[in-house]
Protein backbone atom coordinates (compact mmCIF):
# COMPACT_ATOMS: atom_id res chain seq x y z
CA UNK A 1 5.51 29.52 -45.74
CA UNK A 2 3.03 32.33 -46.01
CA UNK A 3 2.40 34.24 -49.20
CA UNK A 4 3.78 37.73 -49.58
CA UNK A 5 0.70 39.29 -47.97
CA UNK A 6 2.47 38.74 -44.63
CA UNK A 7 5.34 40.93 -45.76
CA UNK A 8 3.49 43.94 -47.08
CA UNK A 9 -0.04 44.17 -45.69
CA UNK A 10 0.91 46.60 -42.89
CA UNK A 11 -0.67 49.75 -41.50
CA UNK A 12 1.32 52.95 -41.96
CA UNK A 13 1.12 53.48 -38.22
CA UNK A 14 2.53 50.16 -37.07
CA UNK A 15 5.57 51.56 -35.30
CA UNK A 16 3.85 54.53 -33.69
CA UNK A 17 0.81 52.67 -32.44
CA UNK A 18 2.39 49.42 -31.33
CA UNK A 19 4.54 51.37 -28.87
CA UNK A 20 1.57 53.13 -27.33
CA UNK A 21 -0.18 49.99 -26.14
CA UNK A 22 -3.47 51.04 -27.70
CA UNK A 23 -4.52 53.83 -25.35
CA UNK A 24 -4.68 54.77 -21.70
CA UNK A 25 -6.64 53.04 -18.97
CA UNK A 26 -10.07 54.31 -17.98
CA UNK A 27 -10.35 56.13 -14.63
CA UNK A 28 -11.36 53.87 -11.74
CA UNK A 29 -14.93 53.81 -10.49
CA UNK A 30 -13.73 54.77 -7.03
CA UNK A 31 -12.06 57.92 -8.27
CA UNK A 32 -15.13 59.11 -10.14
CA UNK A 33 -17.84 58.15 -7.66
CA UNK A 34 -19.46 60.81 -5.49
CA UNK A 35 -19.11 60.45 -1.71
CA UNK A 36 -22.49 62.12 -1.16
CA UNK A 37 -25.47 59.73 -1.41
CA UNK A 38 -28.42 60.80 -3.52
CA UNK A 39 -31.65 59.99 -1.73
CA UNK A 40 -33.81 59.90 -4.86
CA UNK A 41 -31.76 57.17 -6.56
CA UNK A 42 -32.72 53.59 -5.72
CA UNK A 43 -30.10 50.80 -5.63
CA UNK A 44 -31.66 49.14 -8.67
CA UNK A 45 -31.54 52.40 -10.63
CA UNK A 46 -27.88 52.86 -9.70
CA UNK A 47 -27.04 49.36 -10.95
CA UNK A 48 -28.89 49.98 -14.21
CA UNK A 49 -27.09 53.26 -14.77
CA UNK A 50 -23.71 51.66 -14.15
CA UNK A 51 -24.23 48.67 -16.45
CA UNK A 52 -26.19 50.19 -19.34
CA UNK A 53 -23.96 51.33 -22.20
CA UNK A 54 -25.00 54.28 -24.37
CA UNK A 55 -26.44 53.38 -27.74
CA UNK A 56 -23.85 53.46 -30.55
CA UNK A 57 -23.94 56.49 -32.81
CA UNK A 58 -24.40 55.89 -36.54
CA UNK A 59 -21.05 56.18 -38.28
CA UNK A 60 -20.56 59.02 -40.79
CA UNK A 61 -20.74 58.34 -44.50
CA UNK A 62 -17.19 59.56 -45.02
CA UNK A 63 -15.68 56.58 -43.16
CA UNK A 64 -13.26 54.93 -43.67
CA UNK A 65 -11.67 57.67 -45.77
CA UNK A 66 -12.02 60.44 -43.19
CA UNK A 67 -10.90 58.36 -40.21
CA UNK A 68 -7.71 59.46 -38.47
CA UNK A 69 -5.28 56.56 -39.05
CA UNK A 70 -4.74 54.50 -35.92
CA UNK A 71 -3.81 50.96 -34.98
CA UNK A 72 -3.61 48.53 -32.08
CA UNK A 73 -2.61 44.88 -31.91
CA UNK A 74 -5.06 43.21 -29.50
CA UNK A 75 -3.20 39.90 -29.28
CA UNK A 76 -4.86 36.80 -27.83
CA UNK A 77 -8.64 37.06 -27.65
CA UNK A 78 -10.94 35.51 -25.10
CA UNK A 79 -13.61 33.29 -26.57
CA UNK A 80 -16.68 35.42 -27.13
CA UNK A 81 -17.46 38.88 -28.41
CA UNK A 82 -14.75 41.30 -29.46
CA UNK A 83 -15.64 44.84 -30.57
CA UNK A 84 -13.05 46.67 -32.63
CA UNK A 85 -11.35 49.75 -31.24
CA UNK A 86 -10.52 51.44 -34.55
CA UNK A 87 -11.83 49.40 -37.48
CA UNK A 88 -15.25 50.34 -38.86
CA UNK A 89 -15.60 53.30 -36.51
CA UNK A 90 -14.85 51.08 -33.51
CA UNK A 91 -18.21 49.33 -33.89
CA UNK A 92 -17.63 45.96 -35.58
CA UNK A 93 -18.28 43.04 -33.23
CA UNK A 94 -17.30 39.45 -33.95
CA UNK A 95 -17.68 36.35 -31.82
CA UNK A 96 -14.23 34.81 -31.67
CA UNK A 97 -13.76 31.08 -31.07
CA UNK A 98 -11.41 29.87 -28.36
CA UNK A 99 -7.78 29.92 -29.39
CA UNK A 100 -7.73 32.93 -31.73
CA UNK A 101 -5.58 36.06 -31.69
CA UNK A 102 -5.87 39.45 -33.40
CA UNK A 103 -2.80 40.82 -35.18
CA UNK A 104 -4.39 44.13 -36.22
CA UNK A 105 -7.31 46.37 -35.32
CA UNK A 106 -6.77 49.56 -37.30
CA UNK A 107 -8.66 52.13 -39.31
CA UNK A 108 -7.61 50.11 -42.39
CA UNK A 109 -8.13 46.50 -41.33
CA UNK A 110 -9.29 44.09 -38.67
CA UNK A 111 -7.37 40.82 -38.78
CA UNK A 112 -7.35 37.67 -36.66
CA UNK A 113 -6.08 34.12 -36.87
CA UNK A 114 -5.76 30.90 -34.87
CA UNK A 115 -3.02 30.98 -32.23
CA UNK A 116 0.14 28.96 -32.75
CA UNK A 117 1.74 27.84 -36.01
CA UNK A 118 -0.75 28.22 -38.83
CA UNK A 119 -1.05 29.42 -42.38
CA UNK A 120 -4.45 31.09 -42.32
CA UNK A 121 -6.07 34.32 -41.25
CA UNK A 122 -9.34 36.25 -41.49
CA UNK A 123 -9.37 39.92 -42.49
CA UNK A 124 -12.11 42.54 -42.69
CA UNK A 125 -11.72 45.52 -45.04
CA UNK A 126 -13.68 48.55 -46.27
CA UNK A 127 -13.52 50.27 -49.66
CA UNK A 128 -10.43 48.50 -50.95
CA UNK A 129 -9.67 48.81 -54.68
CA UNK A 130 -8.11 46.48 -57.26
CA UNK A 131 -4.62 47.30 -58.45
CA UNK A 132 -2.59 46.90 -61.60
CA UNK A 133 0.20 44.38 -61.03
CA UNK A 134 3.42 45.96 -59.92
CA UNK A 135 3.07 49.69 -59.19
CA UNK A 136 -0.12 49.46 -57.09
CA UNK A 137 -1.99 51.72 -59.48
CA UNK A 138 -5.78 51.55 -59.05
CA UNK A 139 -7.52 49.77 -61.90
CA UNK A 140 -9.15 52.19 -64.32
CA UNK A 141 -12.92 52.01 -64.48
CA UNK A 142 -13.39 50.49 -61.02
CA UNK A 143 -16.65 51.96 -59.70
CA UNK A 144 -16.09 51.20 -56.02
CA UNK A 145 -18.76 48.53 -55.74
CA UNK A 146 -18.27 45.08 -54.30
CA UNK A 147 -19.78 43.62 -57.46
CA UNK A 148 -17.15 45.34 -59.58
CA UNK A 149 -14.41 44.02 -57.28
CA UNK A 150 -15.65 40.43 -57.59
CA UNK A 151 -15.95 40.75 -61.36
CA UNK A 152 -12.37 42.06 -61.61
CA UNK A 153 -10.83 39.32 -59.46
CA UNK A 154 -12.83 36.66 -61.29
CA UNK A 155 -11.43 37.88 -64.61
CA UNK A 156 -7.83 38.12 -63.34
CA UNK A 157 -5.74 35.69 -65.41
CA UNK A 158 -3.44 34.99 -62.45
CA UNK A 159 -6.17 33.21 -60.46
CA UNK A 160 -8.38 30.17 -60.96
CA UNK A 161 -11.94 30.36 -59.64
CA UNK A 162 -12.94 27.47 -57.38
CA UNK A 163 -16.50 28.63 -56.79
CA UNK A 164 -18.68 31.72 -56.74
CA UNK A 165 -21.71 31.61 -54.45
CA UNK A 166 -24.14 33.79 -52.52
CA UNK A 167 -22.95 34.61 -48.99
CA UNK A 168 -23.37 37.17 -46.22
CA UNK A 169 -21.37 39.49 -43.98
CA UNK A 170 -23.13 40.39 -40.77
CA UNK A 171 -26.54 40.03 -42.41
CA UNK A 172 -25.62 41.91 -45.59
CA UNK A 173 -26.22 39.98 -48.79
CA UNK A 174 -22.85 39.29 -50.37
CA UNK A 175 -21.00 37.29 -53.00
CA UNK A 176 -18.21 34.89 -52.09
CA UNK A 177 -15.47 34.19 -54.61
CA UNK A 178 -13.16 31.31 -53.76
CA UNK A 179 -9.99 31.06 -55.79
CA UNK A 180 -6.49 29.67 -56.09
CA UNK A 181 -3.45 30.21 -58.28
CA UNK A 182 -3.76 29.86 -62.03
CA UNK A 183 -1.26 27.47 -63.69
CA UNK A 184 -0.53 30.40 -66.00
CA UNK A 185 0.03 32.93 -63.20
CA UNK A 186 2.82 35.43 -63.83
CA UNK A 187 5.04 36.77 -61.05
CA UNK A 188 4.58 40.53 -60.52
CA UNK A 189 7.09 41.17 -57.72
CA UNK A 190 10.82 41.02 -58.39
CA UNK A 191 11.43 40.63 -54.65
CA UNK A 192 9.14 37.60 -54.33
CA UNK A 193 11.05 34.64 -52.82
CA UNK A 194 11.75 31.98 -55.44
CA UNK A 195 10.18 29.20 -53.39
CA UNK A 196 6.74 30.84 -53.36
CA UNK A 197 6.64 32.43 -56.82
CA UNK A 198 4.61 33.64 -58.55
CA UNK A 199 3.48 36.55 -56.39
CA UNK A 200 0.10 37.92 -57.48
CA UNK A 201 -1.06 41.45 -56.55
CA UNK A 202 -4.77 42.01 -56.00
CA UNK A 203 -5.95 45.00 -53.94
CA UNK A 204 -4.80 47.98 -51.88
CA UNK A 205 -6.10 50.74 -49.61
CA UNK A 206 -4.80 54.29 -48.98
CA UNK A 207 -3.81 53.60 -45.35
CA UNK A 208 -1.84 50.46 -46.18
CA UNK A 209 1.90 50.62 -46.56
CA UNK A 210 1.73 48.15 -49.43
CA UNK A 211 -0.77 45.88 -51.09
CA UNK A 212 -2.61 42.63 -50.56
CA UNK A 213 -1.16 39.90 -52.69
CA UNK A 214 -0.91 36.12 -52.62
CA UNK A 215 1.77 33.60 -53.51
CA UNK A 216 2.45 29.89 -53.41
CA UNK A 217 -0.43 27.39 -53.73
CA UNK A 218 -2.85 29.79 -52.05
CA UNK A 219 -6.54 29.16 -51.32
CA UNK A 220 -8.55 32.33 -50.67
CA UNK A 221 -12.19 33.25 -50.26
CA UNK A 222 -13.21 36.90 -50.51
CA UNK A 223 -16.74 37.83 -49.44
CA UNK A 224 -17.93 41.17 -50.77
CA UNK A 225 -21.09 43.18 -49.99
CA UNK A 226 -22.39 46.50 -51.26
CA UNK A 227 -23.46 48.56 -48.26
CA UNK A 228 -24.29 52.11 -47.29
CA UNK A 229 -23.97 54.32 -44.22
CA UNK A 230 -24.40 58.04 -43.73
CA UNK A 231 -26.02 58.31 -47.16
CA UNK A 232 -22.90 57.02 -48.98
CA UNK A 233 -22.24 53.76 -50.84
CA UNK A 234 -19.38 51.53 -49.69
CA UNK A 235 -17.90 48.08 -50.09
CA UNK A 236 -17.57 45.72 -47.10
CA UNK A 237 -15.17 42.79 -47.42
CA UNK A 238 -14.10 39.74 -45.45
CA UNK A 239 -11.28 37.47 -46.55
CA UNK A 240 -10.33 33.94 -45.54
CA UNK A 241 -6.68 33.85 -46.58
CA UNK A 242 -4.75 30.54 -46.47
CA UNK A 243 -1.67 29.01 -48.01
CA UNK A 244 -3.25 25.78 -49.23
CA UNK A 245 -6.36 23.62 -49.46
CA UNK A 246 -5.67 21.77 -46.20
CA UNK A 247 -5.44 24.94 -44.09
CA UNK A 248 -8.50 26.41 -45.80
CA UNK A 249 -10.57 23.32 -44.96
CA UNK A 250 -9.40 23.55 -41.35
CA UNK A 251 -10.26 27.19 -40.61
CA UNK A 252 -13.07 27.96 -43.09
CA UNK A 253 -15.97 26.71 -40.90
CA UNK A 254 -15.04 28.88 -37.88
CA UNK A 255 -14.08 31.82 -40.12
CA UNK A 256 -17.36 31.68 -42.03
CA UNK A 257 -19.35 31.59 -38.79
CA UNK A 258 -17.53 34.71 -37.55
CA UNK A 259 -18.09 36.55 -40.82
CA UNK A 260 -21.76 35.69 -41.13
CA UNK A 261 -22.44 36.45 -37.47
CA UNK A 262 -20.55 39.74 -37.34
CA UNK A 263 -22.52 42.67 -35.93
CA UNK A 264 -22.10 45.78 -38.05
CA UNK A 265 -22.06 49.39 -36.81
CA UNK A 266 -25.24 51.39 -36.29
CA UNK A 267 -26.58 52.81 -39.53
CA UNK A 268 -25.03 50.25 -41.89
CA UNK A 269 -27.45 48.79 -44.42
CA UNK A 270 -27.63 47.06 -47.76
CA UNK A 271 -26.88 49.10 -50.86
CA UNK A 272 -27.94 48.42 -54.39
């Protein structure tokens, strides 16, 4: 059984966006093509013009906070590159292995997992913040940096640190904190099912309907990097979220390869 993250980590636009199918189809090439040939354009030039995509525009420093909330659920992914539609300004690209599916591509999260019965997922976040257990109140004194986030989780009495090592997200230098449930963990959610207690709250984001929390004998790795774009400092996060050690060992290699090999939007660089 999954931890309580599956119950509450939901975009505020789930209902509205899931019914829209993620947007309208592009107009066909036949409808937009001119019937009058242009003598000065060679066949090779025409092919180049049709296949060359415009260079991505650097994302503004106000993202993700100024992004208009939106969401799509891509579903099963083909093996190979997938570029987000909404997350990270629609410019995060990951190379998905065969047999994976995406359950959310929104302005608040990009999430994917192996198809079929499983207890693990990979999630990408921006500018999340730690919360006080229970009312989802942001932790006082949090400075918004990835370093501060890692320090806070590491000191949380409800978790036990497995390891803390250097890592990377799409070429950004990062810190990976791997952790499980502390034997002294205290339940913070009265609605948490008895069989998976204690439920432990960790982080939230303004566009989420709830919070990210974990329960049961969880095994999680959060990778955190301090980055900047548009002249502003931000935190970039990737999470390998699993219910137990066995599932973590099974999906961590493919998940780590995706996270390390991710291609970040134009204009994103290391901060700090």
